[in-house]
């Protein structure tokens, strides 16, 4: 049988299985409805960081998520060029690990964000692997990046996103010598070392673009710990990004990345950890507040770059003890991941990367457990992706009102809208709308929800756990 005949046969079989959903207005009692889901390949904002994509169990779970992004912190300049005169060794261990991980990512159709850090001591003159590269060695770093991008932008790798450092807005005195994040920061400078990072970008960006004009340069994901000084701490890490702009680096990067790490520190139900801690609360929480902060800085310099929230999670502080292995934490993490993604899209943040996929993860934040089995947050993200894949792209959402005590966001669909709704506290509330407007509804974990129907009105219960309401525009 020809390939054309096979395709026609498959289409015919699919059409024969489709059952259309009746209007909720005609439903007076629960019915089991079977609806086929047909998805096209498109880019979602969601993704994950992982150090274990070559592990078959982790790979299989990654496939289930149907995410679009993976962040890899594997490459080591120190590993590839241990002395200034040594040729770059692409057979170095970190490069082999990176290539294997990229191969797996490509099998899943993931966009790879490659972090480049772990600098050699000869280039930094310091013991910290994350210390700033000395100005006299920036040309060497540019040569290294040119060779790196030339190799990995081509088949069979196709890497286009290059992140230069990881949380560079940290002073080296605040991290260990082998830290995988930091540490271009300088506690004693007004712009916290950002100007030095900006000078690096100005030297390295032309080399990257010469090797691959389509490459995207990602400003090293900012910890952005706080927006103001603290009592008894006059340092200004929040000025780091502006320092790079003051150095004239506005045209030397394409994307601004930032991080957000709320901490689970209370087992009481109904706590929104994105907005529960004082540092960013006055600005709307970690996601909305940091996005606004960075856009305000860019506006002062007349630029508007895309934003990536490319490392985030809800970590459980060790002081919580056994609560970090509790159902309360896992439920909070699942609620949290939906809130963070939806708020990110509403804030026009283009990518959302959870740290990490594999379990148990840093302070139990992994989407999988220690046996690489799904936790509630994995299932919540998986179902969120299912819902988002039904929408037109690029994704857009905006806050809408279902009442003062409910938070809701509306996505535009393909002939429908998708409302994501949750209660702002642990109180269950009701929403009502014409039954004829309702197409379908789902729980956070993907279970169909049937409303109460009375007199042509559909009523849903909405608690702290979100619901998805697919309805007529």
Protein backbone atom coordinates (compact mmCIF):
# COMPACT_ATOMS: atom_id res chain seq x y z
CA UNK A 1 0.00 0.00 0.00
CA UNK A 2 1.35 3.46 -0.90
CA UNK A 3 2.16 6.11 1.72
CA UNK A 4 -0.67 8.25 0.28
CA UNK A 5 -3.15 5.41 0.75
CA UNK A 6 -1.96 4.85 4.29
CA UNK A 7 -2.50 8.52 5.11
CA UNK A 8 -6.02 8.46 3.67
CA UNK A 9 -6.83 5.32 5.62
CA UNK A 10 -5.57 6.88 8.85
CA UNK A 11 -7.61 10.05 8.29
CA UNK A 12 -10.75 8.04 7.55
CA UNK A 13 -10.31 5.98 10.70
CA UNK A 14 -9.82 9.11 12.78
CA UNK A 15 -12.93 10.79 11.42
CA UNK A 16 -14.98 7.70 12.18
CA UNK A 17 -13.97 7.89 15.85
CA UNK A 18 -14.81 11.55 16.50
CA UNK A 19 -17.74 12.25 18.84
CA UNK A 20 -18.88 15.82 19.22
CA UNK A 21 -19.60 17.29 22.64
CA UNK A 22 -23.25 18.15 23.24
CA UNK A 23 -24.08 21.51 24.81
CA UNK A 24 -23.99 21.58 28.60
CA UNK A 25 -27.44 23.15 28.37
CA UNK A 26 -28.80 19.72 27.43
CA UNK A 27 -27.05 17.87 30.26
CA UNK A 28 -29.01 17.35 33.43
CA UNK A 29 -26.77 14.65 34.83
CA UNK A 30 -23.15 13.55 34.36
CA UNK A 31 -22.36 11.76 31.10
CA UNK A 32 -19.12 10.18 30.00
CA UNK A 33 -17.81 12.02 26.95
CA UNK A 34 -14.95 10.83 24.74
CA UNK A 35 -13.21 13.50 22.71
CA UNK A 36 -10.12 12.97 20.56
CA UNK A 37 -7.29 15.44 21.08
CA UNK A 38 -5.56 16.49 17.85
CA UNK A 39 -2.38 18.54 18.31
CA UNK A 40 -0.01 20.18 15.89
CA UNK A 41 3.64 20.84 16.65
CA UNK A 42 3.93 24.32 18.14
CA UNK A 43 6.06 26.10 20.70
CA UNK A 44 4.76 26.34 24.25
CA UNK A 45 6.31 28.57 26.90
CA UNK A 46 6.92 25.62 29.21
CA UNK A 47 10.09 23.61 29.73
CA UNK A 48 12.44 22.18 32.31
CA UNK A 49 16.07 22.00 33.28
CA UNK A 50 17.61 18.56 33.64
CA UNK A 51 20.92 16.87 34.28
CA UNK A 52 19.59 13.42 33.40
CA UNK A 53 17.96 13.49 29.98
CA UNK A 54 20.04 10.50 28.90
CA UNK A 55 18.47 8.47 31.71
CA UNK A 56 15.77 6.44 29.95
CA UNK A 57 13.20 6.83 32.73
CA UNK A 58 13.69 10.63 32.79
CA UNK A 59 13.62 10.77 28.98
CA UNK A 60 10.33 8.88 28.88
CA UNK A 61 8.77 11.27 31.39
CA UNK A 62 10.09 14.26 29.43
CA UNK A 63 8.34 12.88 26.37
CA UNK A 64 5.05 12.74 28.28
CA UNK A 65 5.24 16.42 29.24
CA UNK A 66 5.14 17.66 25.63
CA UNK A 67 7.04 20.77 26.69
CA UNK A 68 9.02 22.96 24.30
CA UNK A 69 12.19 23.99 26.17
CA UNK A 70 15.08 22.34 27.95
CA UNK A 71 17.89 24.17 29.73
CA UNK A 72 21.24 22.40 29.93
CA UNK A 73 23.98 23.48 32.32
CA UNK A 74 26.68 21.05 31.20
CA UNK A 75 29.32 22.79 29.09
CA UNK A 76 32.60 23.68 30.78
CA UNK A 77 35.20 26.00 29.29
CA UNK A 78 37.59 24.84 32.04
CA UNK A 79 37.14 21.26 30.86
CA UNK A 80 37.71 22.05 27.19
CA UNK A 81 40.67 24.45 27.43
CA UNK A 82 42.64 23.93 30.65
CA UNK A 83 45.48 26.24 29.55
CA UNK A 84 45.40 29.42 27.41
CA UNK A 85 47.46 27.83 24.64
CA UNK A 86 45.64 24.47 24.59
CA UNK A 87 43.39 23.80 21.59
CA UNK A 88 39.70 23.51 22.37
CA UNK A 89 38.91 19.86 23.05
CA UNK A 90 35.48 18.84 21.86
CA UNK A 91 36.20 15.36 23.21
CA UNK A 92 36.23 16.75 26.76
CA UNK A 93 33.81 14.96 29.08
CA UNK A 94 31.38 17.86 29.50
CA UNK A 95 31.15 18.24 25.73
CA UNK A 96 30.39 14.56 25.23
CA UNK A 97 27.71 14.74 27.91
CA UNK A 98 26.28 17.85 26.28
CA UNK A 99 26.16 16.26 22.84
CA UNK A 100 24.37 13.20 24.20
CA UNK A 101 21.83 15.39 26.00
CA UNK A 102 21.24 17.54 22.90
CA UNK A 103 20.66 14.41 20.84
CA UNK A 104 17.96 13.34 23.30
CA UNK A 105 16.45 16.84 23.33
CA UNK A 106 16.25 16.83 19.54
CA UNK A 107 14.40 13.53 19.62
CA UNK A 108 11.75 15.27 21.72
CA UNK A 109 11.66 18.42 19.58
CA UNK A 110 12.89 20.59 22.45
CA UNK A 111 14.52 23.99 22.05
CA UNK A 112 17.85 23.81 23.86
CA UNK A 113 19.11 26.68 26.01
CA UNK A 114 22.81 25.98 26.53
CA UNK A 115 24.52 27.61 29.51
CA UNK A 116 28.22 28.30 29.09
CA UNK A 117 30.15 28.82 32.32
CA UNK A 118 32.71 27.02 34.51
CA UNK A 119 35.59 29.25 33.44
CA UNK A 120 39.25 28.17 33.68
CA UNK A 121 41.29 29.69 36.47
CA UNK A 122 43.81 31.08 34.00
CA UNK A 123 41.00 33.24 32.52
CA UNK A 124 39.61 34.52 35.82
CA UNK A 125 42.66 34.65 38.07
CA UNK A 126 40.38 33.40 40.86
CA UNK A 127 39.51 30.09 42.48
CA UNK A 128 35.76 30.43 41.81
CA UNK A 129 34.63 28.65 38.66
CA UNK A 130 32.07 31.40 38.12
CA UNK A 131 34.32 34.43 38.67
CA UNK A 132 34.46 37.23 36.07
CA UNK A 133 36.75 36.68 33.12
CA UNK A 134 39.65 39.13 33.20
CA UNK A 135 39.50 41.78 30.49
CA UNK A 136 42.75 40.61 28.90
CA UNK A 137 41.22 37.16 28.32
CA UNK A 138 37.88 38.24 26.87
CA UNK A 139 39.17 37.74 23.35
CA UNK A 140 40.05 34.15 24.26
CA UNK A 141 36.51 33.66 25.54
CA UNK A 142 35.17 35.12 22.29
CA UNK A 143 37.30 32.65 20.30
CA UNK A 144 35.99 29.81 22.46
CA UNK A 145 32.36 30.86 21.95
CA UNK A 146 32.88 31.28 18.20
CA UNK A 147 34.16 27.71 17.94
CA UNK A 148 31.40 26.41 20.21
CA UNK A 149 28.59 28.06 18.28
CA UNK A 150 30.06 27.13 14.90
CA UNK A 151 30.03 23.47 15.92
CA UNK A 152 26.70 23.24 17.70
CA UNK A 153 24.56 25.46 15.47
CA UNK A 154 25.00 22.90 12.69
CA UNK A 155 23.65 19.40 12.14
CA UNK A 156 23.08 17.23 14.05
CA UNK A 157 22.79 19.61 17.03
CA UNK A 158 21.00 22.83 15.94
CA UNK A 159 21.51 24.72 19.21
CA UNK A 160 20.47 28.36 18.84
CA UNK A 161 20.11 29.72 22.40
CA UNK A 162 23.32 30.54 24.30
CA UNK A 163 23.14 31.69 27.90
CA UNK A 164 26.32 33.37 29.12
CA UNK A 165 26.64 32.48 32.78
CA UNK A 166 24.09 31.50 35.39
CA UNK A 167 22.95 34.01 38.02
CA UNK A 168 25.94 36.31 37.40
CA UNK A 169 24.44 38.92 39.77
CA UNK A 170 25.96 37.19 42.82
CA UNK A 171 29.17 38.22 44.57
CA UNK A 172 31.75 35.36 44.73
CA UNK A 173 32.00 35.77 48.50
CA UNK A 174 28.43 34.45 48.73
CA UNK A 175 29.03 31.11 46.96
CA UNK A 176 31.38 28.13 47.14
CA UNK A 177 34.42 27.92 44.88
CA UNK A 178 32.83 25.22 42.71
CA UNK A 179 29.45 26.97 42.50
CA UNK A 180 27.53 26.36 39.26
CA UNK A 181 25.99 29.82 39.56
CA UNK A 182 27.25 33.37 40.09
CA UNK A 183 29.51 35.22 40.39
CA UNK A 184 30.31 38.35 38.44
CA UNK A 185 28.82 40.47 41.20
CA UNK A 186 30.71 43.00 43.27
CA UNK A 187 29.23 43.97 46.61
CA UNK A 188 31.20 47.20 46.70
CA UNK A 189 30.11 48.68 43.36
CA UNK A 190 27.03 50.80 42.69
CA UNK A 191 26.16 48.60 39.71
CA UNK A 192 27.31 45.41 41.43
CA UNK A 193 29.71 44.30 38.70
CA UNK A 194 27.16 44.53 35.91
CA UNK A 195 29.34 46.88 33.88
CA UNK A 196 32.07 44.25 33.73
CA UNK A 197 29.58 41.64 32.55
CA UNK A 198 28.38 44.12 29.93
CA UNK A 199 31.93 44.58 28.63
CA UNK A 200 32.17 40.81 28.25
CA UNK A 201 28.95 40.74 26.22
CA UNK A 202 30.26 43.46 23.93
CA UNK A 203 33.34 41.39 23.09
CA UNK A 204 31.69 37.96 22.85
CA UNK A 205 28.41 38.78 21.07
CA UNK A 206 30.04 39.62 17.69
CA UNK A 207 31.91 36.30 17.76
CA UNK A 208 28.71 34.34 18.43
CA UNK A 209 26.83 36.13 15.67
CA UNK A 210 29.67 35.67 13.22
CA UNK A 211 29.50 31.92 13.81
CA UNK A 212 25.70 31.83 13.59
CA UNK A 213 23.73 34.94 12.57
CA UNK A 214 20.58 33.24 13.86
CA UNK A 215 21.94 32.61 17.35
CA UNK A 216 20.06 34.03 20.33
CA UNK A 217 22.22 35.39 23.15
CA UNK A 218 20.60 35.05 26.56
CA UNK A 219 21.66 37.40 29.35
CA UNK A 220 22.75 35.05 32.16
CA UNK A 221 19.65 34.26 34.23
CA UNK A 222 19.42 36.89 36.97
CA UNK A 223 18.85 35.77 40.53
CA UNK A 224 17.41 39.27 41.10
CA UNK A 225 17.18 38.52 44.78
CA UNK A 226 15.46 41.76 45.75
CA UNK A 227 14.42 45.12 44.26
CA UNK A 228 15.83 47.33 47.02
CA UNK A 229 18.55 47.40 49.65
CA UNK A 230 18.05 45.57 52.95
CA UNK A 231 18.59 46.85 56.51
CA UNK A 232 22.31 46.66 57.31
CA UNK A 233 23.10 45.64 53.72
CA UNK A 234 23.80 48.57 51.38
CA UNK A 235 24.76 46.35 48.40
CA UNK A 236 22.71 46.70 45.24
CA UNK A 237 22.53 43.43 43.27
CA UNK A 238 19.34 44.73 41.64
CA UNK A 239 21.55 47.24 39.74
CA UNK A 240 23.53 44.50 37.97
CA UNK A 241 21.37 44.43 34.85
CA UNK A 242 21.42 48.20 34.57
CA UNK A 243 25.18 48.10 34.94
CA UNK A 244 25.44 46.00 31.79
CA UNK A 245 23.27 48.49 29.94
CA UNK A 246 25.43 51.35 31.21
CA UNK A 247 28.39 49.54 29.62
CA UNK A 248 26.64 49.81 26.26
CA UNK A 249 25.63 46.15 26.01
CA UNK A 250 22.01 46.71 24.94
CA UNK A 251 22.72 45.34 21.46
CA UNK A 252 24.91 42.48 22.70
CA UNK A 253 22.11 40.18 23.91
CA UNK A 254 18.69 39.16 22.62
CA UNK A 255 16.83 37.82 25.67
CA UNK A 256 16.78 38.76 29.36
CA UNK A 257 16.51 35.73 31.65
CA UNK A 258 15.58 35.81 35.31
CA UNK A 259 14.93 33.33 38.12
CA UNK A 260 12.34 32.98 40.89
CA UNK A 261 12.50 30.66 43.89
CA UNK A 262 9.68 30.98 46.40
CA UNK A 263 10.09 28.75 49.45
CA UNK A 264 7.50 26.35 50.85
CA UNK A 265 7.54 27.13 54.56
CA UNK A 266 3.98 26.51 55.73
CA UNK A 267 1.81 23.41 55.48
CA UNK A 268 -1.44 25.36 55.82
CA UNK A 269 -3.62 25.00 52.70
CA UNK A 270 -4.45 27.98 50.52
CA UNK A 271 -1.07 29.78 50.51
CA UNK A 272 0.07 31.37 47.27
CA UNK A 273 3.84 31.11 47.63
CA UNK A 274 4.45 33.31 44.61
CA UNK A 275 2.95 36.17 46.61
CA UNK A 276 3.50 35.06 50.18
CA UNK A 277 7.00 36.41 50.79
CA UNK A 278 7.62 40.09 51.33
CA UNK A 279 10.53 40.73 48.97
CA UNK A 280 8.48 41.07 45.78
CA UNK A 281 4.93 41.25 47.13
CA UNK A 282 4.46 44.98 46.69
CA UNK A 283 5.27 44.59 43.00
CA UNK A 284 2.88 41.71 42.32
CA UNK A 285 4.93 38.68 43.37
CA UNK A 286 7.95 36.92 41.95
CA UNK A 287 6.75 36.53 38.36
CA UNK A 288 4.84 39.74 37.77
CA UNK A 289 7.11 41.84 40.00
CA UNK A 290 10.39 40.78 38.45
CA UNK A 291 9.03 41.09 34.90
CA UNK A 292 7.85 44.63 35.67
CA UNK A 293 11.16 45.52 37.29
CA UNK A 294 13.22 44.40 34.29
CA UNK A 295 10.94 46.13 31.82
CA UNK A 296 11.18 49.34 33.81
CA UNK A 297 14.98 49.17 33.61
CA UNK A 298 14.90 48.48 29.88
CA UNK A 299 12.46 51.33 29.31
CA UNK A 300 14.95 53.77 30.82
CA UNK A 301 17.45 52.72 28.15
CA UNK A 302 14.98 52.65 25.28
CA UNK A 303 14.99 48.90 24.68
CA UNK A 304 12.43 46.10 24.93
CA UNK A 305 13.86 42.57 24.93
CA UNK A 306 11.95 39.31 25.40
CA UNK A 307 11.91 37.88 28.92
CA UNK A 308 12.54 34.25 29.91
CA UNK A 309 11.79 32.91 33.39
CA UNK A 310 14.34 30.22 32.74
CA UNK A 311 14.83 28.78 36.21
CA UNK A 312 12.14 28.51 38.85
CA UNK A 313 10.64 26.10 41.34
CA UNK A 314 8.97 25.83 44.71
CA UNK A 315 11.66 24.50 46.98
CA UNK A 316 11.04 23.15 50.46
CA UNK A 317 13.37 24.61 53.07
CA UNK A 318 15.21 21.88 55.06
CA UNK A 319 13.92 23.43 58.27
CA UNK A 320 10.52 22.01 57.30
CA UNK A 321 11.84 18.49 57.94
CA UNK A 322 9.45 15.68 57.00
CA UNK A 323 6.94 18.20 55.61
CA UNK A 324 9.17 18.28 52.51
CA UNK A 325 8.00 14.75 51.76
CA UNK A 326 4.36 15.49 52.56
CA UNK A 327 1.24 15.59 50.47
CA UNK A 328 0.77 19.21 51.52
CA UNK A 329 4.03 20.24 49.85
CA UNK A 330 3.35 18.26 46.68
CA UNK A 331 -0.15 19.73 46.39
CA UNK A 332 1.23 23.24 46.93
CA UNK A 333 3.86 22.64 44.25
CA UNK A 334 1.22 21.49 41.75
CA UNK A 335 -0.95 24.55 42.42
CA UNK A 336 2.12 26.77 42.28
CA UNK A 337 3.32 25.60 38.87
CA UNK A 338 0.00 26.43 37.22
CA UNK A 339 -0.10 29.89 38.78
CA UNK A 340 3.47 30.65 37.77
CA UNK A 341 3.00 29.58 34.14
CA UNK A 342 -0.28 31.42 33.69
CA UNK A 343 1.04 34.60 35.30
CA UNK A 344 4.16 34.34 33.14
CA UNK A 345 2.14 34.22 29.92
CA UNK A 346 -0.04 37.10 31.12
CA UNK A 347 3.17 39.07 31.84
CA UNK A 348 4.43 38.32 28.30
CA UNK A 349 7.25 36.13 29.55
CA UNK A 350 8.14 33.89 26.62
CA UNK A 351 9.62 30.84 28.36
CA UNK A 352 9.09 29.16 31.72
CA UNK A 353 11.70 26.60 32.85
CA UNK A 354 11.15 24.47 35.97
CA UNK A 355 14.17 23.35 37.99
CA UNK A 356 14.40 20.38 37.74
CA UNK A 357 12.66 17.55 35.93
CA UNK A 358 14.34 14.58 37.63
CA UNK A 359 13.75 13.74 41.24
CA UNK A 360 14.06 14.35 44.00
CA UNK A 361 15.61 17.65 42.86
CA UNK A 362 17.10 20.53 44.80
CA UNK A 363 15.23 20.76 48.10
CA UNK A 364 12.62 18.31 46.72
CA UNK A 365 11.56 20.63 43.89
CA UNK A 366 11.87 17.96 41.18
CA UNK A 367 8.83 17.19 39.07
CA UNK A 368 9.67 13.50 39.54
CA UNK A 369 10.40 11.63 42.73
CA UNK A 370 13.57 9.71 43.54
CA UNK A 371 12.27 6.75 41.51
CA UNK A 372 11.61 9.10 38.56
CA UNK A 373 7.87 8.68 38.95
CA UNK A 374 5.52 11.65 38.42
CA UNK A 375 4.67 13.91 41.31
CA UNK A 376 1.52 16.03 41.36
CA UNK A 377 3.36 19.00 39.86
CA UNK A 378 4.43 16.87 36.89
CA UNK A 379 0.82 15.89 36.23
CA UNK A 380 -0.34 19.49 36.65
CA UNK A 381 2.22 20.75 34.12
CA UNK A 382 1.46 17.88 31.76
CA UNK A 383 -2.24 18.69 31.72
CA UNK A 384 -1.59 22.44 31.45
CA UNK A 385 0.42 21.70 28.31
CA UNK A 386 -2.47 19.66 26.91
CA UNK A 387 -4.79 22.61 27.41
CA UNK A 388 -2.30 25.12 25.96
CA UNK A 389 -1.70 22.99 22.88
CA UNK A 390 -5.34 23.46 21.90
CA UNK A 391 -4.90 27.23 21.70
CA UNK A 392 -3.81 29.39 18.83
CA UNK A 393 -0.23 30.64 18.93
CA UNK A 394 1.44 32.84 19.92
CA UNK A 395 -0.19 32.41 23.29
CA UNK A 396 -1.79 35.46 24.83
CA UNK A 397 -3.72 35.83 28.06
CA UNK A 398 -5.11 38.58 30.18
CA UNK A 399 -6.62 38.83 33.66
CA UNK A 400 -10.41 38.69 33.77
CA UNK A 401 -12.89 38.95 36.61
CA UNK A 402 -15.11 36.21 38.01
CA UNK A 403 -15.34 38.03 41.34
CA UNK A 404 -13.07 39.72 43.86
CA UNK A 405 -12.02 36.49 45.57
CA UNK A 406 -11.13 34.60 42.39
CA UNK A 407 -8.08 35.04 40.18
CA UNK A 408 -8.65 34.24 36.52
CA UNK A 409 -6.87 34.56 33.18
CA UNK A 410 -8.30 34.18 29.69
CA UNK A 411 -6.50 32.64 26.71
CA UNK A 412 -7.75 33.01 23.16
CA UNK A 413 -8.39 29.69 21.46
CA UNK A 414 -9.36 28.43 18.03
CA UNK A 415 -12.99 29.50 18.11
CA UNK A 416 -13.18 29.38 21.91
CA UNK A 417 -11.61 30.89 25.02
CA UNK A 418 -9.90 29.09 27.88
CA UNK A 419 -10.30 30.54 31.36
CA UNK A 420 -7.95 29.39 34.12
CA UNK A 421 -9.55 30.15 37.47
CA UNK A 422 -8.70 29.63 41.14
CA UNK A 423 -9.75 30.91 44.52
CA UNK A 424 -7.32 33.34 46.17
CA UNK A 425 -7.54 31.43 49.45
CA UNK A 426 -8.72 28.06 50.69
CA UNK A 427 -12.41 29.00 50.42
CA UNK A 428 -14.42 27.26 47.71
CA UNK A 429 -16.50 29.70 45.70
CA UNK A 430 -19.04 29.37 42.91
CA UNK A 431 -19.22 30.80 39.43
CA UNK A 432 -22.27 30.69 37.19
CA UNK A 433 -22.66 31.30 33.48
CA UNK A 434 -25.08 30.32 30.72
CA UNK A 435 -24.85 26.59 30.15
CA UNK A 436 -24.89 27.20 26.40
CA UNK A 437 -21.55 29.03 26.73
CA UNK A 438 -19.73 26.05 28.27
CA UNK A 439 -17.82 23.68 26.01
CA UNK A 440 -15.88 21.68 28.64
CA UNK A 441 -14.25 22.01 32.04
CA UNK A 442 -11.32 20.23 33.66
CA UNK A 443 -9.60 20.00 37.01
CA UNK A 444 -5.95 20.90 37.57
CA UNK A 445 -5.07 17.25 36.96
CA UNK A 446 -7.10 16.84 33.79
CA UNK A 447 -10.27 15.24 35.09
CA UNK A 448 -13.51 16.39 33.40
CA UNK A 449 -15.73 18.53 35.61
CA UNK A 450 -19.50 18.56 35.26
CA UNK A 451 -21.36 21.68 36.44
CA UNK A 452 -24.64 21.83 38.26
CA UNK A 453 -27.28 22.72 35.65
CA UNK A 454 -30.39 24.66 36.61
CA UNK A 455 -32.65 26.75 34.40
CA UNK A 456 -30.06 27.06 31.66
CA UNK A 457 -27.32 28.14 34.08
CA UNK A 458 -24.15 26.14 34.74
CA UNK A 459 -22.56 26.50 38.17
CA UNK A 460 -19.02 25.40 39.02
CA UNK A 461 -17.23 25.17 42.35
CA UNK A 462 -13.79 26.77 42.33
CA UNK A 463 -11.28 26.16 45.11
CA UNK A 464 -7.61 26.95 45.61
CA UNK A 465 -6.84 24.24 43.05
CA UNK A 466 -7.48 25.75 39.63
CA UNK A 467 -10.05 24.69 37.09
CA UNK A 468 -9.93 25.08 33.30
CA UNK A 469 -13.11 26.40 31.71
CA UNK A 470 -13.33 26.06 27.94
CA UNK A 471 -16.17 28.25 26.72
CA UNK A 472 -17.65 30.16 23.84
CA UNK A 473 -15.98 33.54 23.11
